[in-house]
Amino acid sequence: SQHTCESCEAGKFQSNEAKDSCLPCNAGHFCPASSITPLPCLSGSTFQPDPGQTSCKSCSNCPLGKVMTAECTIMKDRQCSPCTAPSYS
């Protein structure tokens, strides 16, 4: 029977020829449809903790009364903790 070559669906990629399936996009990256390689999220601006995703999430900002304790990375959102007395933000 005849086989047809299919493009990878969004969230998956394939960088090698003659393969019979696509691979899930890595965490910290996103894969639009027909991806040859995962595209990294923008460190400090976007992140993606889960594999197989089609987009990155925007990093959150710490609200008033909280201070940043860890910067946003491509795999993890910004971490915030409450200000302790006698400080504020």
PDB file of N, CA and C in Angstrom:
ATOM      1  N   SER A   1       0.839  -1.189   0.000  1.00  0.00           N
ATOM      2  CA  SER A   1       0.000   0.000   0.000  1.00  0.00           C
ATOM      3  C   SER A   1       0.878   1.245   0.000  1.00  0.00           C
ATOM      4  N   GLN A   2       0.314   2.341  -0.442  1.00  0.00           N
ATOM      5  CA  GLN A   2       1.037   3.610  -0.508  1.00  0.00           C
ATOM      6  C   GLN A   2       0.954   4.347   0.830  1.00  0.00           C
ATOM      7  N   HIS A   3       2.050   4.958   1.229  1.00  0.00           N
ATOM      8  CA  HIS A   3       2.079   5.775   2.440  1.00  0.00           C
ATOM      9  C   HIS A   3       2.260   7.222   2.036  1.00  0.00           C
ATOM     10  N   THR A   4       1.715   8.141   2.830  1.00  0.00           N
ATOM     11  CA  THR A   4       1.922   9.561   2.582  1.00  0.00           C
ATOM     12  C   THR A   4       2.700  10.152   3.748  1.00  0.00           C
ATOM     13  N   CYS A   5       3.494  11.152   3.456  1.00  0.00           N
ATOM     14  CA  CYS A   5       4.253  11.832   4.501  1.00  0.00           C
ATOM     15  C   CYS A   5       3.366  12.903   5.120  1.00  0.00           C
ATOM     16  N   GLU A   6       3.250  12.875   6.429  1.00  0.00           N
ATOM     17  CA  GLU A   6       2.418  13.824   7.163  1.00  0.00           C
ATOM     18  C   GLU A   6       3.303  14.780   7.949  1.00  0.00           C
ATOM     19  N   SER A   7       2.881  16.027   8.043  1.00  0.00           N
ATOM     20  CA  SER A   7       3.592  16.994   8.886  1.00  0.00           C
ATOM     21  C   SER A   7       3.269  16.712  10.346  1.00  0.00           C
ATOM     22  N   CYS A   8       4.203  17.055  11.216  1.00  0.00           N
ATOM     23  CA  CYS A   8       3.956  16.896  12.647  1.00  0.00           C
ATOM     24  C   CYS A   8       2.856  17.850  13.087  1.00  0.00           C
ATOM     25  N   GLU A   9       1.990  17.360  13.972  1.00  0.00           N
ATOM     26  CA  GLU A   9       0.937  18.209  14.522  1.00  0.00           C
ATOM     27  C   GLU A   9       1.549  19.183  15.518  1.00  0.00           C
ATOM     28  N   ALA A  10       0.836  20.255  15.837  1.00  0.00           N
ATOM     29  CA  ALA A  10       1.308  21.232  16.818  1.00  0.00           C
ATOM     30  C   ALA A  10       1.569  20.526  18.142  1.00  0.00           C
ATOM     31  N   GLY A  11       2.658  20.913  18.814  1.00  0.00           N
ATOM     32  CA  GLY A  11       3.046  20.285  20.070  1.00  0.00           C
ATOM     33  C   GLY A  11       4.050  19.161  19.887  1.00  0.00           C
ATOM     34  N   LYS A  12       4.347  18.816  18.619  1.00  0.00           N
ATOM     35  CA  LYS A  12       5.303  17.745  18.320  1.00  0.00           C
ATOM     36  C   LYS A  12       6.287  18.217  17.253  1.00  0.00           C
ATOM     37  N   PHE A  13       7.422  17.494  17.134  1.00  0.00           N
ATOM     38  CA  PHE A  13       8.437  17.853  16.143  1.00  0.00           C
ATOM     39  C   PHE A  13       9.127  16.592  15.643  1.00  0.00           C
ATOM     40  N   GLN A  14       9.841  16.710  14.544  1.00  0.00           N
ATOM     41  CA  GLN A  14      10.692  15.630  14.036  1.00  0.00           C
ATOM     42  C   GLN A  14      11.805  16.258  13.213  1.00  0.00           C
ATOM     43  N   SER A  15      13.051  16.056  13.656  1.00  0.00           N
ATOM     44  CA  SER A  15      14.199  16.660  12.974  1.00  0.00           C
ATOM     45  C   SER A  15      14.948  15.672  12.091  1.00  0.00           C
ATOM     46  N   ASN A  16      14.547  14.407  12.093  1.00  0.00           N
ATOM     47  CA  ASN A  16      15.237  13.394  11.292  1.00  0.00           C
ATOM     48  C   ASN A  16      14.363  12.905  10.143  1.00  0.00           C
ATOM     49  N   GLU A  17      15.014  12.472   9.078  1.00  0.00           N
ATOM     50  CA  GLU A  17      14.282  11.943   7.925  1.00  0.00           C
ATOM     51  C   GLU A  17      13.940  10.472   8.136  1.00  0.00           C
ATOM     52  N   ALA A  18      12.953  10.005   7.405  1.00  0.00           N
ATOM     53  CA  ALA A  18      12.561   8.590   7.371  1.00  0.00           C
ATOM     54  C   ALA A  18      12.088   8.057   8.716  1.00  0.00           C
ATOM     55  N   LYS A  19      11.403   8.885   9.496  1.00  0.00           N
ATOM     56  CA  LYS A  19      10.852   8.450  10.780  1.00  0.00           C
ATOM     57  C   LYS A  19       9.362   8.189  10.621  1.00  0.00           C
ATOM     58  N   ASP A  20       8.807   7.347  11.501  1.00  0.00           N
ATOM     59  CA  ASP A  20       7.391   6.995  11.384  1.00  0.00           C
ATOM     60  C   ASP A  20       6.500   7.691  12.411  1.00  0.00           C
ATOM     61  N   SER A  21       7.075   8.625  13.182  1.00  0.00           N
ATOM     62  CA  SER A  21       6.268   9.373  14.148  1.00  0.00           C
ATOM     63  C   SER A  21       6.990  10.664  14.523  1.00  0.00           C
ATOM     64  N   CYS A  22       6.268  11.532  15.232  1.00  0.00           N
ATOM     65  CA  CYS A  22       6.841  12.779  15.732  1.00  0.00           C
ATOM     66  C   CYS A  22       7.071  12.653  17.233  1.00  0.00           C
ATOM     67  N   LEU A  23       7.931  13.491  17.758  1.00  0.00           N
ATOM     68  CA  LEU A  23       8.272  13.486  19.179  1.00  0.00           C
ATOM     69  C   LEU A  23       7.580  14.642  19.889  1.00  0.00           C
ATOM     70  N   PRO A  24       7.193  14.462  21.162  1.00  0.00           N
ATOM     71  CA  PRO A  24       6.583  15.581  21.881  1.00  0.00           C
ATOM     72  C   PRO A  24       7.604  16.694  22.114  1.00  0.00           C
ATOM     73  N   CYS A  25       7.158  17.914  22.002  1.00  0.00           N
ATOM     74  CA  CYS A  25       7.996  19.086  22.253  1.00  0.00           C
ATOM     75  C   CYS A  25       8.501  19.039  23.694  1.00  0.00           C
ATOM     76  N   ASN A  26       9.736  19.480  23.932  1.00  0.00           N
ATOM     77  CA  ASN A  26      10.337  19.460  25.264  1.00  0.00           C
ATOM     78  C   ASN A  26       9.702  20.530  26.160  1.00  0.00           C
ATOM     79  N   ALA A  27       9.681  20.290  27.464  1.00  0.00           N
ATOM     80  CA  ALA A  27       9.309  21.333  28.423  1.00  0.00           C
ATOM     81  C   ALA A  27      10.290  22.494  28.256  1.00  0.00           C
ATOM     82  N   GLY A  28       9.803  23.710  28.467  1.00  0.00           N
ATOM     83  CA  GLY A  28      10.646  24.896  28.268  1.00  0.00           C
ATOM     84  C   GLY A  28      10.663  25.360  26.828  1.00  0.00           C
ATOM     85  N   HIS A  29       9.911  24.661  25.959  1.00  0.00           N
ATOM     86  CA  HIS A  29       9.857  24.950  24.528  1.00  0.00           C
ATOM     87  C   HIS A  29       8.418  24.854  24.034  1.00  0.00           C
ATOM     88  N   PHE A  30       8.193  25.268  22.796  1.00  0.00           N
ATOM     89  CA  PHE A  30       6.900  25.090  22.150  1.00  0.00           C
ATOM     90  C   PHE A  30       7.127  24.657  20.718  1.00  0.00           C
ATOM     91  N   CYS A  31       6.122  24.012  20.138  1.00  0.00           N
ATOM     92  CA  CYS A  31       6.231  23.495  18.779  1.00  0.00           C
ATOM     93  C   CYS A  31       4.969  23.830  17.987  1.00  0.00           C
ATOM     94  N   PRO A  32       5.042  24.803  17.064  1.00  0.00           N
ATOM     95  CA  PRO A  32       3.918  25.017  16.146  1.00  0.00           C
ATOM     96  C   PRO A  32       3.790  23.796  15.227  1.00  0.00           C
ATOM     97  N   ALA A  33       2.717  23.686  14.491  1.00  0.00           N
ATOM     98  CA  ALA A  33       2.549  22.591  13.535  1.00  0.00           C
ATOM     99  C   ALA A  33       3.731  22.566  12.568  1.00  0.00           C
ATOM    100  N   SER A  34       4.122  21.391  12.117  1.00  0.00           N
ATOM    101  CA  SER A  34       5.208  21.174  11.153  1.00  0.00           C
ATOM    102  C   SER A  34       6.579  21.596  11.680  1.00  0.00           C
ATOM    103  N   SER A  35       6.812  21.457  12.985  1.00  0.00           N
ATOM    104  CA  SER A  35       8.100  21.858  13.573  1.00  0.00           C
ATOM    105  C   SER A  35       9.195  20.841  13.278  1.00  0.00           C
ATOM    106  N   ILE A  36      10.370  21.354  12.933  1.00  0.00           N
ATOM    107  CA  ILE A  36      11.549  20.522  12.751  1.00  0.00           C
ATOM    108  C   ILE A  36      12.296  20.419  14.079  1.00  0.00           C
ATOM    109  N   THR A  37      12.240  21.477  14.867  1.00  0.00           N
ATOM    110  CA  THR A  37      12.928  21.508  16.151  1.00  0.00           C
ATOM    111  C   THR A  37      12.103  22.326  17.144  1.00  0.00           C
ATOM    112  N   PRO A  38      12.138  21.984  18.445  1.00  0.00           N
ATOM    113  CA  PRO A  38      11.409  22.772  19.446  1.00  0.00           C
ATOM    114  C   PRO A  38      11.967  24.195  19.531  1.00  0.00           C
ATOM    115  N   LEU A  39      11.092  25.159  19.721  1.00  0.00           N
ATOM    116  CA  LEU A  39      11.499  26.563  19.874  1.00  0.00           C
ATOM    117  C   LEU A  39      11.491  26.910  21.357  1.00  0.00           C
ATOM    118  N   PRO A  40      12.586  27.497  21.873  1.00  0.00           N
ATOM    119  CA  PRO A  40      12.639  27.784  23.310  1.00  0.00           C
ATOM    120  C   PRO A  40      11.736  28.954  23.701  1.00  0.00           C
ATOM    121  N   CYS A  41      11.180  28.873  24.915  1.00  0.00           N
ATOM    122  CA  CYS A  41      10.484  30.021  25.481  1.00  0.00           C
ATOM    123  C   CYS A  41      11.534  31.098  25.753  1.00  0.00           C
ATOM    124  N   LEU A  42      11.101  32.331  25.925  1.00  0.00           N
ATOM    125  CA  LEU A  42      12.005  33.460  26.150  1.00  0.00           C
ATOM    126  C   LEU A  42      12.229  33.633  27.651  1.00  0.00           C
ATOM    127  N   SER A  43      13.395  33.272  28.127  1.00  0.00           N
ATOM    128  CA  SER A  43      13.693  33.319  29.560  1.00  0.00           C
ATOM    129  C   SER A  43      13.455  34.715  30.120  1.00  0.00           C
ATOM    130  N   GLY A  44      12.744  34.784  31.245  1.00  0.00           N
ATOM    131  CA  GLY A  44      12.423  36.062  31.874  1.00  0.00           C
ATOM    132  C   GLY A  44      11.117  36.642  31.377  1.00  0.00           C
ATOM    133  N   SER A  45      10.565  36.119  30.276  1.00  0.00           N
ATOM    134  CA  SER A  45       9.306  36.618  29.723  1.00  0.00           C
ATOM    135  C   SER A  45       8.242  35.534  29.593  1.00  0.00           C
ATOM    136  N   THR A  46       8.659  34.337  29.139  1.00  0.00           N
ATOM    137  CA  THR A  46       7.709  33.241  28.948  1.00  0.00           C
ATOM    138  C   THR A  46       8.285  31.930  29.465  1.00  0.00           C
ATOM    139  N   PHE A  47       7.399  30.987  29.794  1.00  0.00           N
ATOM    140  CA  PHE A  47       7.819  29.684  30.313  1.00  0.00           C
ATOM    141  C   PHE A  47       6.816  28.616  29.883  1.00  0.00           C
ATOM    142  N   GLN A  48       7.230  27.367  29.969  1.00  0.00           N
ATOM    143  CA  GLN A  48       6.333  26.242  29.682  1.00  0.00           C
ATOM    144  C   GLN A  48       6.820  25.038  30.487  1.00  0.00           C
ATOM    145  N   PRO A  49       6.095  24.677  31.572  1.00  0.00           N
ATOM    146  CA  PRO A  49       6.540  23.561  32.407  1.00  0.00           C
ATOM    147  C   PRO A  49       6.229  22.184  31.822  1.00  0.00           C
ATOM    148  N   ASP A  50       5.318  22.111  30.858  1.00  0.00           N
ATOM    149  CA  ASP A  50       4.849  20.824  30.350  1.00  0.00           C
ATOM    150  C   ASP A  50       5.388  20.511  28.956  1.00  0.00           C
ATOM    151  N   PRO A  51       5.678  19.244  28.671  1.00  0.00           N
ATOM    152  CA  PRO A  51       6.074  18.862  27.312  1.00  0.00           C
ATOM    153  C   PRO A  51       4.868  18.812  26.374  1.00  0.00           C
ATOM    154  N   GLY A  52       5.142  18.817  25.068  1.00  0.00           N
ATOM    155  CA  GLY A  52       4.088  18.645  24.071  1.00  0.00           C
ATOM    156  C   GLY A  52       3.176  19.835  23.895  1.00  0.00           C
ATOM    157  N   GLN A  53       3.685  21.050  24.122  1.00  0.00           N
ATOM    158  CA  GLN A  53       2.835  22.244  24.073  1.00  0.00           C
ATOM    159  C   GLN A  53       3.043  23.052  22.797  1.00  0.00           C
ATOM    160  N   THR A  54       2.028  23.850  22.454  1.00  0.00           N
ATOM    161  CA  THR A  54       2.038  24.648  21.230  1.00  0.00           C
ATOM    162  C   THR A  54       2.399  26.103  21.480  1.00  0.00           C
ATOM    163  N   SER A  55       2.533  26.511  22.734  1.00  0.00           N
ATOM    164  CA  SER A  55       2.893  27.893  23.052  1.00  0.00           C
ATOM    165  C   SER A  55       3.499  27.950  24.447  1.00  0.00           C
ATOM    166  N   CYS A  56       4.098  29.087  24.761  1.00  0.00           N
ATOM    167  CA  CYS A  56       4.633  29.333  26.101  1.00  0.00           C
ATOM    168  C   CYS A  56       3.646  30.215  26.858  1.00  0.00           C
ATOM    169  N   LYS A  57       3.746  30.210  28.173  1.00  0.00           N
ATOM    170  CA  LYS A  57       2.898  31.039  29.033  1.00  0.00           C
ATOM    171  C   LYS A  57       3.683  32.288  29.429  1.00  0.00           C
ATOM    172  N   SER A  58       2.979  33.395  29.628  1.00  0.00           N
ATOM    173  CA  SER A  58       3.631  34.630  30.072  1.00  0.00           C
ATOM    174  C   SER A  58       4.022  34.521  31.541  1.00  0.00           C
ATOM    175  N   CYS A  59       5.209  35.019  31.870  1.00  0.00           N
ATOM    176  CA  CYS A  59       5.636  35.051  33.269  1.00  0.00           C
ATOM    177  C   CYS A  59       4.751  36.022  34.043  1.00  0.00           C
ATOM    178  N   SER A  60       4.406  35.659  35.262  1.00  0.00           N
ATOM    179  CA  SER A  60       3.579  36.535  36.084  1.00  0.00           C
ATOM    180  C   SER A  60       4.450  37.569  36.789  1.00  0.00           C
ATOM    181  N   ASN A  61       3.828  38.645  37.234  1.00  0.00           N
ATOM    182  CA  ASN A  61       4.511  39.660  38.025  1.00  0.00           C
ATOM    183  C   ASN A  61       4.106  39.473  39.479  1.00  0.00           C
ATOM    184  N   CYS A  62       4.997  39.808  40.390  1.00  0.00           N
ATOM    185  CA  CYS A  62       4.660  39.715  41.804  1.00  0.00           C
ATOM    186  C   CYS A  62       3.703  40.856  42.160  1.00  0.00           C
ATOM    187  N   PRO A  63       2.595  40.547  42.836  1.00  0.00           N
ATOM    188  CA  PRO A  63       1.639  41.592  43.218  1.00  0.00           C
ATOM    189  C   PRO A  63       2.178  42.441  44.370  1.00  0.00           C
ATOM    190  N   LEU A  64       1.517  43.553  44.642  1.00  0.00           N
ATOM    191  CA  LEU A  64       1.898  44.394  45.775  1.00  0.00           C
ATOM    192  C   LEU A  64       1.873  43.567  47.047  1.00  0.00           C
ATOM    193  N   GLY A  65       2.817  43.815  47.929  1.00  0.00           N
ATOM    194  CA  GLY A  65       2.892  43.076  49.174  1.00  0.00           C
ATOM    195  C   GLY A  65       3.735  41.815  49.064  1.00  0.00           C
ATOM    196  N   LYS A  66       4.214  41.524  47.838  1.00  0.00           N
ATOM    197  CA  LYS A  66       5.066  40.342  47.639  1.00  0.00           C
ATOM    198  C   LYS A  66       6.342  40.748  46.919  1.00  0.00           C
ATOM    199  N   VAL A  67       7.377  39.961  47.104  1.00  0.00           N
ATOM    200  CA  VAL A  67       8.684  40.231  46.508  1.00  0.00           C
ATOM    201  C   VAL A  67       9.135  38.987  45.744  1.00  0.00           C
ATOM    202  N   MET A  68       9.836  39.194  44.625  1.00  0.00           N
ATOM    203  CA  MET A  68      10.318  38.072  43.820  1.00  0.00           C
ATOM    204  C   MET A  68      11.409  37.305  44.568  1.00  0.00           C
ATOM    205  N   THR A  69      11.252  35.991  44.621  1.00  0.00           N
ATOM    206  CA  THR A  69      12.261  35.153  45.263  1.00  0.00           C
ATOM    207  C   THR A  69      12.985  34.277  44.241  1.00  0.00           C
ATOM    208  N   ALA A  70      12.408  34.127  43.038  1.00  0.00           N
ATOM    209  CA  ALA A  70      13.066  33.384  41.960  1.00  0.00           C
ATOM    210  C   ALA A  70      12.572  33.933  40.625  1.00  0.00           C
ATOM    211  N   GLU A  71      13.502  34.206  39.724  1.00  0.00           N
ATOM    212  CA  GLU A  71      13.171  34.751  38.408  1.00  0.00           C
ATOM    213  C   GLU A  71      12.469  33.685  37.563  1.00  0.00           C
ATOM    214  N   CYS A  72      11.701  34.158  36.593  1.00  0.00           N
ATOM    215  CA  CYS A  72      11.034  33.272  35.644  1.00  0.00           C
ATOM    216  C   CYS A  72      12.093  32.645  34.728  1.00  0.00           C
ATOM    217  N   THR A  73      12.043  31.311  34.583  1.00  0.00           N
ATOM    218  CA  THR A  73      12.934  30.598  33.663  1.00  0.00           C
ATOM    219  C   THR A  73      12.074  30.006  32.554  1.00  0.00           C
ATOM    220  N   ILE A  74      12.663  29.390  31.553  1.00  0.00           N
ATOM    221  CA  ILE A  74      11.868  28.832  30.455  1.00  0.00           C
ATOM    222  C   ILE A  74      10.978  27.678  30.905  1.00  0.00           C
ATOM    223  N   MET A  75      11.261  27.098  32.093  1.00  0.00           N
ATOM    224  CA  MET A  75      10.465  25.969  32.577  1.00  0.00           C
ATOM    225  C   MET A  75       9.631  26.273  33.819  1.00  0.00           C
ATOM    226  N   LYS A  76       9.806  27.458  34.426  1.00  0.00           N
ATOM    227  CA  LYS A  76       9.128  27.737  35.702  1.00  0.00           C
ATOM    228  C   LYS A  76       8.786  29.214  35.823  1.00  0.00           C
ATOM    229  N   ASP A  77       7.561  29.502  36.286  1.00  0.00           N
ATOM    230  CA  ASP A  77       7.116  30.886  36.459  1.00  0.00           C
ATOM    231  C   ASP A  77       7.898  31.565  37.588  1.00  0.00           C
ATOM    232  N   ARG A  78       7.841  32.894  37.602  1.00  0.00           N
ATOM    233  CA  ARG A  78       8.460  33.700  38.653  1.00  0.00           C
ATOM    234  C   ARG A  78       7.862  33.294  39.999  1.00  0.00           C
ATOM    235  N   GLN A  79       8.698  33.217  41.011  1.00  0.00           N
ATOM    236  CA  GLN A  79       8.244  32.854  42.357  1.00  0.00           C
ATOM    237  C   GLN A  79       8.214  34.105  43.232  1.00  0.00           C
ATOM    238  N   CYS A  80       7.132  34.265  43.997  1.00  0.00           N
ATOM    239  CA  CYS A  80       6.956  35.434  44.858  1.00  0.00           C
ATOM    240  C   CYS A  80       6.682  34.991  46.287  1.00  0.00           C
ATOM    241  N   SER A  81       7.143  35.784  47.242  1.00  0.00           N
ATOM    242  CA  SER A  81       6.873  35.522  48.663  1.00  0.00           C
ATOM    243  C   SER A  81       6.389  36.812  49.314  1.00  0.00           C
ATOM    244  N   PRO A  82       5.574  36.689  50.368  1.00  0.00           N
ATOM    245  CA  PRO A  82       5.081  37.892  51.059  1.00  0.00           C
ATOM    246  C   PRO A  82       6.220  38.684  51.665  1.00  0.00           C
ATOM    247  N   CYS A  83       6.072  40.014  51.653  1.00  0.00           N
ATOM    248  CA  CYS A  83       7.024  40.870  52.368  1.00  0.00           C
ATOM    249  C   CYS A  83       6.860  40.601  53.860  1.00  0.00           C
ATOM    250  N   THR A  84       7.960  40.609  54.576  1.00  0.00           N
ATOM    251  CA  THR A  84       7.902  40.395  56.020  1.00  0.00           C
ATOM    252  C   THR A  84       7.976  41.741  56.739  1.00  0.00           C
ATOM    253  N   ALA A  85       7.326  41.837  57.878  1.00  0.00           N
ATOM    254  CA  ALA A  85       7.351  43.071  58.675  1.00  0.00           C
ATOM    255  C   ALA A  85       8.788  43.356  59.067  1.00  0.00           C
ATOM    256  N   PRO A  86       9.212  44.580  59.045  1.00  0.00           N
ATOM    257  CA  PRO A  86       8.454  45.809  58.790  1.00  0.00           C
ATOM    258  C   PRO A  86       8.611  46.325  57.359  1.00  0.00           C
ATOM    259  N   SER A  87       8.675  45.452  56.336  1.00  0.00           N
ATOM    260  CA  SER A  87       8.868  45.914  54.960  1.00  0.00           C
ATOM    261  C   SER A  87       7.559  45.822  54.164  1.00  0.00           C
ATOM    262  N   TYR A  88       7.547  46.485  52.982  1.00  0.00           N
ATOM    263  CA  TYR A  88       6.384  46.449  52.083  1.00  0.00           C
ATOM    264  C   TYR A  88       6.862  46.635  50.664  1.00  0.00           C
ATOM    265  N   SER A  89       5.960  46.426  49.696  1.00  0.00           N
ATOM    266  CA  SER A  89       6.329  46.672  48.299  1.00  0.00           C
ATOM    267  C   SER A  89       5.190  47.394  47.596  1.00  0.00           C
TER     268      SER A  89
END
